[in-house]
Protein backbone atom coordinates (compact mmCIF):
# COMPACT_ATOMS: atom_id res chain seq x y z
CA UNK A 1 0.00 0.00 0.00
CA UNK A 2 2.69 2.49 1.02
CA UNK A 3 4.70 1.73 -2.10
CA UNK A 4 1.78 2.39 -4.49
CA UNK A 5 0.99 5.65 -2.70
CA UNK A 6 4.59 6.77 -3.05
CA UNK A 7 4.60 5.94 -6.75
CA UNK A 8 1.36 7.89 -7.38
CA UNK A 9 2.68 10.86 -5.43
CA UNK A 10 5.91 11.33 -7.33
CA UNK A 11 4.30 10.71 -10.72
CA UNK A 12 1.58 13.26 -9.96
CA UNK A 13 4.25 15.73 -8.90
CA UNK A 14 6.22 15.13 -12.08
CA UNK A 15 3.18 15.85 -14.24
CA UNK A 16 2.57 19.10 -12.34
CA UNK A 17 5.98 20.61 -13.20
CA UNK A 18 6.06 23.15 -16.00
CA UNK A 19 8.87 25.52 -15.06
CA UNK A 20 12.59 25.58 -15.72
CA UNK A 21 15.28 25.49 -13.05
CA UNK A 22 16.93 28.72 -12.04
CA UNK A 23 20.67 29.28 -12.35
CA UNK A 24 21.31 28.60 -8.69
CA UNK A 25 19.68 27.01 -5.70
CA UNK A 26 15.94 26.82 -6.50
CA UNK A 27 14.52 23.81 -8.29
CA UNK A 28 11.27 23.95 -10.27
CA UNK A 29 11.43 20.63 -12.09
CA UNK A 30 13.17 19.85 -15.34
CA UNK A 31 10.40 21.29 -17.50
CA UNK A 32 8.27 19.70 -20.16
CA UNK A 33 10.85 19.88 -22.93
CA UNK A 34 14.41 18.52 -23.00
CA UNK A 35 17.13 21.13 -22.63
CA UNK A 36 20.88 20.80 -23.01
CA UNK A 37 23.06 17.93 -21.83
CA UNK A 38 26.54 19.01 -20.81
CA UNK A 39 28.90 16.06 -21.34
CA UNK A 40 31.96 16.26 -19.09
CA UNK A 41 34.78 13.78 -19.62
CA UNK A 42 36.50 13.02 -16.32
CA UNK A 43 39.26 10.53 -17.25
CA UNK A 44 40.50 10.08 -13.69
CA UNK A 45 41.98 6.65 -12.92
CA UNK A 46 44.19 7.39 -9.90
CA UNK A 47 41.62 6.46 -7.27
CA UNK A 48 42.26 2.76 -7.93
CA UNK A 49 45.13 0.69 -9.36
CA UNK A 50 43.79 -0.69 -12.67
CA UNK A 51 44.50 1.34 -15.82
CA UNK A 52 42.04 1.70 -18.68
CA UNK A 53 39.08 3.34 -16.94
CA UNK A 54 40.33 6.73 -18.15
CA UNK A 55 39.42 5.69 -21.70
CA UNK A 56 35.67 5.53 -21.04
CA UNK A 57 34.74 9.14 -21.95
CA UNK A 58 36.17 8.78 -25.45
CA UNK A 59 34.69 5.30 -25.81
CA UNK A 60 31.27 6.78 -25.04
CA UNK A 61 31.80 9.49 -27.64
CA UNK A 62 32.97 6.99 -30.24
CA UNK A 63 30.01 4.78 -29.37
CA UNK A 64 27.48 7.42 -30.38
CA UNK A 65 26.59 9.42 -27.27
CA UNK A 66 25.96 12.67 -29.18
CA UNK A 67 23.59 11.05 -31.66
CA UNK A 68 21.75 9.23 -28.88
CA UNK A 69 21.20 12.45 -26.94
CA UNK A 70 20.08 14.37 -30.04
CA UNK A 71 17.61 11.59 -30.89
CA UNK A 72 15.90 12.13 -27.54
CA UNK A 73 15.36 15.81 -28.27
CA UNK A 74 18.20 17.21 -26.18
CA UNK A 75 20.91 19.60 -27.30
CA UNK A 76 24.41 18.24 -26.75
CA UNK A 77 27.30 20.30 -25.37
CA UNK A 78 30.62 18.48 -25.10
CA UNK A 79 32.72 20.24 -22.48
CA UNK A 80 35.63 17.98 -23.43
CA UNK A 81 37.93 15.91 -21.25
CA UNK A 82 39.19 17.74 -18.19
CA UNK A 83 42.98 17.95 -17.85
CA UNK A 84 43.21 15.64 -14.87
CA UNK A 85 46.69 14.53 -16.00
CA UNK A 86 47.98 18.09 -15.63
CA UNK A 87 46.28 18.45 -12.26
CA UNK A 88 47.82 15.21 -11.03
CA UNK A 89 51.28 16.32 -12.19
CA UNK A 90 50.98 19.42 -10.02
CA UNK A 91 50.31 17.43 -6.83
CA UNK A 92 52.08 15.10 -4.47
CA UNK A 93 51.52 11.33 -4.61
CA UNK A 94 52.03 11.03 -0.84
CA UNK A 95 49.48 9.17 1.24
CA UNK A 96 47.81 11.56 3.71
CA UNK A 97 45.55 10.40 6.54
CA UNK A 98 45.07 7.03 4.87
CA UNK A 99 44.26 8.43 1.39
CA UNK A 100 46.55 7.28 -1.42
CA UNK A 101 47.69 10.07 -3.79
CA UNK A 102 45.68 12.52 -1.74
CA UNK A 103 46.81 15.87 -3.12
CA UNK A 104 46.84 14.64 -6.72
CA UNK A 105 43.27 13.39 -6.44
CA UNK A 106 42.21 16.59 -4.72
CA UNK A 107 43.62 18.75 -7.51
CA UNK A 108 42.03 16.57 -10.21
CA UNK A 109 38.68 16.48 -8.48
CA UNK A 110 38.64 20.25 -8.13
CA UNK A 111 38.57 20.42 -11.93
CA UNK A 112 35.59 18.07 -11.94
CA UNK A 113 33.81 19.95 -9.15
CA UNK A 114 34.26 23.32 -10.87
CA UNK A 115 33.15 22.00 -14.27
CA UNK A 116 30.04 20.34 -12.86
CA UNK A 117 29.16 23.39 -10.81
CA UNK A 118 29.57 25.68 -13.82
CA UNK A 119 27.41 23.58 -16.15
CA UNK A 120 24.72 23.05 -13.51
CA UNK A 121 24.54 26.81 -12.92
CA UNK A 122 23.56 27.19 -16.58
CA UNK A 123 20.54 24.99 -15.98
CA UNK A 124 21.91 22.15 -18.08
CA UNK A 125 21.60 18.45 -17.39
CA UNK A 126 25.12 17.49 -16.31
CA UNK A 127 26.40 14.12 -17.55
CA UNK A 128 29.85 13.29 -16.19
CA UNK A 129 31.63 10.20 -17.50
CA UNK A 130 34.52 8.78 -15.50
CA UNK A 131 36.98 7.59 -14.83
CA UNK A 132 36.73 5.79 -11.55
CA UNK A 133 34.29 6.60 -8.75
CA UNK A 134 36.75 9.00 -7.16
CA UNK A 135 34.90 11.67 -9.11
CA UNK A 136 31.76 11.03 -7.04
CA UNK A 137 32.77 13.46 -4.33
CA UNK A 138 33.39 16.18 -6.92
CA UNK A 139 30.23 15.71 -8.96
CA UNK A 140 27.96 15.42 -5.95
CA UNK A 141 29.40 18.51 -4.25
CA UNK A 142 29.41 20.42 -7.54
CA UNK A 143 25.68 19.83 -7.87
CA UNK A 144 25.09 20.51 -4.18
CA UNK A 145 26.79 23.90 -4.57
CA UNK A 146 24.07 24.88 -7.07
CA UNK A 147 21.07 23.00 -5.67
CA UNK A 148 21.04 23.12 -1.87
CA UNK A 149 18.07 20.75 -1.69
CA UNK A 150 19.81 18.07 -3.78
CA UNK A 151 18.97 14.40 -3.27
CA UNK A 152 21.22 11.56 -4.45
CA UNK A 153 20.66 8.01 -5.70
CA UNK A 154 23.98 6.15 -5.70
CA UNK A 155 23.89 2.81 -7.56
CA UNK A 156 26.87 0.66 -6.71
CA UNK A 157 28.06 -2.78 -5.65
CA UNK A 158 30.23 -1.04 -3.06
CA UNK A 159 29.43 1.53 -0.39
CA UNK A 160 32.30 3.89 -1.18
CA UNK A 161 31.84 4.95 2.43
CA UNK A 162 35.23 4.11 3.85
CA UNK A 163 37.32 6.84 5.38
CA UNK A 164 41.07 7.17 5.44
CA UNK A 165 40.99 5.49 8.84
CA UNK A 166 38.90 2.49 7.77
CA UNK A 167 39.91 1.79 4.17
CA UNK A 168 41.92 -1.44 3.80
CA UNK A 169 43.57 -0.17 0.60
CA UNK A 170 43.65 3.63 0.85
CA UNK A 171 42.11 3.80 -2.63
CA UNK A 172 40.02 6.94 -2.80
CA UNK A 173 37.36 5.53 -5.15
CA UNK A 174 36.11 3.63 -2.09
CA UNK A 175 35.82 6.83 0.00
CA UNK A 176 34.15 9.33 -2.31
CA UNK A 177 30.62 9.02 -0.93
CA UNK A 178 31.70 9.42 2.70
CA UNK A 179 33.89 12.39 1.77
CA UNK A 180 30.98 14.07 -0.01
CA UNK A 181 28.88 13.61 3.13
CA UNK A 182 31.60 15.20 5.26
CA UNK A 183 32.38 12.10 7.27
CA UNK A 184 36.12 12.77 7.13
CA UNK A 185 38.92 14.82 5.69
CA UNK A 186 37.49 18.30 5.16
CA UNK A 187 40.50 20.36 4.14
CA UNK A 188 42.79 17.48 3.17
CA UNK A 189 45.73 18.57 0.97
CA UNK A 190 44.36 19.19 -2.51
CA UNK A 191 40.77 19.02 -1.24
CA UNK A 192 40.66 22.48 0.32
CA UNK A 193 37.68 23.20 -1.95
CA UNK A 194 35.63 20.45 -0.27
CA UNK A 195 34.19 22.26 2.73
CA UNK A 196 31.09 21.71 4.85
CA UNK A 197 28.91 24.04 2.80
CA UNK A 198 29.03 21.74 -0.26
CA UNK A 199 28.66 18.41 1.54
CA UNK A 200 25.32 16.64 1.53
CA UNK A 201 23.40 15.31 4.51
CA UNK A 202 23.41 11.53 4.74
CA UNK A 203 19.60 11.63 4.96
CA UNK A 204 19.57 12.83 1.33
CA UNK A 205 21.53 9.87 -0.08
CA UNK A 206 20.24 6.41 -0.99
CA UNK A 207 22.38 3.47 -2.05
CA UNK A 208 20.98 0.76 -4.32
CA UNK A 209 22.52 -2.63 -5.26
CA UNK A 210 25.11 -2.89 -2.47
CA UNK A 211 26.67 -6.33 -2.11
CA UNK A 212 30.40 -5.99 -1.43
CA UNK A 213 30.97 -3.90 1.70
CA UNK A 214 33.99 -3.83 4.02
CA UNK A 215 33.38 -4.65 7.68
CA UNK A 216 34.22 -1.19 9.04
CA UNK A 217 32.22 0.34 6.22
CA UNK A 218 29.17 -1.65 7.36
CA UNK A 219 29.49 -0.10 10.82
CA UNK A 220 29.64 3.40 9.37
CA UNK A 221 26.59 2.79 7.21
CA UNK A 222 24.58 1.28 10.07
CA UNK A 223 25.29 4.30 12.29
CA UNK A 224 24.38 6.79 9.56
CA UNK A 225 21.16 8.20 8.20
CA UNK A 226 21.87 6.83 4.71
CA UNK A 227 19.17 4.73 3.05
CA UNK A 228 21.05 1.58 2.06
CA UNK A 229 19.37 -1.01 -0.15
CA UNK A 230 21.41 -4.14 -0.78
CA UNK A 231 20.89 -6.83 -3.40
CA UNK A 232 19.05 -8.75 -0.67
CA UNK A 233 16.46 -5.96 -0.67
CA UNK A 234 16.25 -6.10 -4.47
CA UNK A 235 15.73 -9.88 -4.26
CA UNK A 236 13.11 -9.56 -1.52
CA UNK A 237 11.08 -6.57 -2.64
CA UNK A 238 11.85 -6.22 -6.33
CA UNK A 239 13.53 -3.25 -7.96
CA UNK A 240 10.24 -1.34 -8.31
CA UNK A 241 9.60 -1.23 -4.58
CA UNK A 242 13.27 -0.55 -3.82
CA UNK A 243 13.45 2.56 -6.02
CA UNK A 244 10.11 3.76 -4.60
CA UNK A 245 11.41 3.34 -1.04
CA UNK A 246 14.69 5.04 -1.92
CA UNK A 247 12.91 8.04 -3.44
CA UNK A 248 10.56 8.25 -0.48
CA UNK A 249 13.55 8.49 1.85
CA UNK A 250 15.57 11.11 -0.03
CA UNK A 251 12.81 13.01 -1.86
CA UNK A 252 9.57 12.32 0.03
CA UNK A 253 7.53 15.12 -1.54
CA UNK A 254 8.91 14.73 -5.05
CA UNK A 255 10.12 18.33 -5.17
CA UNK A 256 13.91 18.01 -4.91
CA UNK A 257 16.45 17.72 -7.72
CA UNK A 258 18.02 14.27 -8.04
CA UNK A 259 21.61 13.40 -8.87
CA UNK A 260 22.25 9.83 -10.07
CA UNK A 261 25.68 8.34 -9.53
CA UNK A 262 25.76 5.06 -11.43
CA UNK A 263 28.73 2.74 -10.99
CA UNK A 264 28.67 0.13 -13.74
CA UNK A 265 29.87 -2.51 -11.26
CA UNK A 266 26.37 -2.38 -9.74
CA UNK A 267 25.40 -4.51 -12.74
CA UNK A 268 26.11 -8.20 -12.81
CA UNK A 269 29.38 -9.11 -14.58
CA UNK A 270 27.40 -11.17 -17.08
CA UNK A 271 26.09 -7.91 -18.59
CA UNK A 272 28.93 -5.57 -17.54
CA UNK A 273 32.25 -7.42 -17.65
CA UNK A 274 34.31 -4.33 -18.51
CA UNK A 275 35.09 -3.00 -15.07
CA UNK A 276 37.93 -3.49 -12.61
CA UNK A 277 35.59 -4.01 -9.65
CA UNK A 278 33.36 -6.92 -10.71
CA UNK A 279 31.21 -8.51 -8.03
CA UNK A 280 28.86 -11.46 -8.53
CA UNK A 281 25.12 -11.20 -8.02
CA UNK A 282 24.44 -7.71 -9.35
CA UNK A 283 21.60 -5.95 -11.11
CA UNK A 284 20.33 -7.54 -14.28
CA UNK A 285 19.68 -5.68 -17.53
CA UNK A 286 16.10 -4.68 -16.81
CA UNK A 287 16.71 -3.78 -13.15
CA UNK A 288 19.49 -1.42 -14.22
CA UNK A 289 17.31 0.24 -16.83
CA UNK A 290 14.31 0.42 -14.49
CA UNK A 291 16.27 2.60 -12.08
CA UNK A 292 17.21 5.04 -14.84
CA UNK A 293 13.75 5.01 -16.42
CA UNK A 294 12.01 5.67 -13.11
CA UNK A 295 14.30 8.55 -12.20
CA UNK A 296 13.70 10.09 -15.63
CA UNK A 297 9.94 9.84 -15.06
CA UNK A 298 10.14 11.86 -11.83
CA UNK A 299 11.11 14.90 -13.93
CA UNK A 300 13.56 15.75 -11.15
CA UNK A 301 16.72 14.11 -12.49
CA UNK A 302 19.19 16.94 -13.09
CA UNK A 303 22.54 15.14 -13.40
CA UNK A 304 24.19 11.77 -13.76
CA UNK A 305 27.61 10.20 -13.39
CA UNK A 306 28.49 6.92 -15.03
CA UNK A 307 31.77 5.49 -13.78
CA UNK A 308 34.15 2.52 -13.64
CA UNK A 309 33.66 1.46 -17.28
CA UNK A 310 37.02 0.10 -18.39
CA UNK A 311 37.26 -0.45 -22.17
CA UNK A 312 40.55 -2.33 -21.75
CA UNK A 313 38.75 -5.00 -19.72
CA UNK A 314 35.61 -5.08 -21.85
CA UNK A 315 34.45 -7.85 -24.15
CA UNK A 316 32.83 -7.71 -27.59
CA UNK A 317 29.05 -7.32 -27.81
CA UNK A 318 27.91 -10.97 -27.98
CA UNK A 319 25.53 -10.40 -30.89
CA UNK A 320 22.95 -8.06 -32.32
CA UNK A 321 19.34 -8.42 -31.20
CA UNK A 322 15.98 -7.00 -32.20
CA UNK A 323 15.48 -3.58 -30.64
CA UNK A 324 19.16 -2.68 -30.42
CA UNK A 325 19.62 0.97 -31.28
CA UNK A 326 21.44 1.59 -34.52
CA UNK A 327 22.73 4.83 -33.01
CA UNK A 328 24.97 2.84 -30.67
CA UNK A 329 28.06 1.87 -32.64
CA UNK A 330 30.48 0.58 -30.01
CA UNK A 331 31.67 -3.03 -30.38
CA UNK A 332 32.14 -3.30 -26.58
CA UNK A 333 29.49 -4.80 -24.30
CA UNK A 334 29.92 -2.66 -21.18
CA UNK A 335 30.37 0.58 -23.09
CA UNK A 336 27.16 -0.27 -24.93
CA UNK A 337 25.34 -0.83 -21.64
CA UNK A 338 26.59 2.52 -20.36
CA UNK A 339 25.23 4.27 -23.44
CA UNK A 340 21.89 2.49 -23.08
CA UNK A 341 21.59 3.45 -19.41
CA UNK A 342 22.30 7.09 -20.18
CA UNK A 343 19.58 7.04 -22.84
CA UNK A 344 17.09 5.62 -20.31
CA UNK A 345 18.02 8.31 -17.78
CA UNK A 346 17.42 10.97 -20.44
CA UNK A 347 13.94 9.74 -21.25
CA UNK A 348 14.11 6.80 -23.63
CA UNK A 349 11.23 4.48 -22.82
CA UNK A 350 9.85 1.21 -24.14
CA UNK A 351 6.49 2.70 -25.12
């Protein structure tokens, strides 16, 4: 009963929107017509040890992202790839407070934060393609700087909620969510830009598809106000009820902008083999698309990250099927899935 009420509420709210968002802070819904998608390439790979993930932005371009976005009625603005290599070269690779390559990652993420913030202030839909999930702290805080009532749906096999004190590896891609919530490290070297005013309350963030969580990370999540839905919840309730519950927690009245951070490793390796962080038992093809489709239908989705696609680890598309978009030209299975998920988030529907 509660789930059907929630679904009716946010769909009724979505139909009621007719305005456009303002340049800063106040959200009035996405409007009835598509606007402009700002594509930001964030080829950052230093938050984890496996090379290749930095190639995903260009793989998405080569795979047809511009044509896909145009076909859905949106204008397409390619901001280009940010110079994260130059930013990294300017910083120290020293570990600081348990964070590997702290200053380098801070400098690189400042580029991402500033780019996201600038494009969001224009009223554009901000699509950031990583790179690894290190960019999550920068994209989330960049959007939060513009929309103070931001809510976040973070789709991931992993919690990314370690801190420098709890992380077994020190790899920052496993800390970006906790950093964005201000759980640790405000003012770390290189991260001086990440201050309390751009962090997001844990009550505004929902995780979906968790299944590979470190022990200390579990303790942090249990003590927090985060809405955490594991694959057990997906198995028990179904993805429809899970996304309804998640939205009810972070956006109960259907009037807040939503940022989607989608880690491709949330998907099962059978449909997304091209990632360095594979974990068995993930979302299937339709569950993954359902999340993106439902968020698009709220008319509140204002930005999206898609991360951890690694073309070097990817496999060829196993074969062409009826219904496959001819606009998607990549030969790689996981890159293709990424392009399809973006199209669902931007409004592509079955009917």
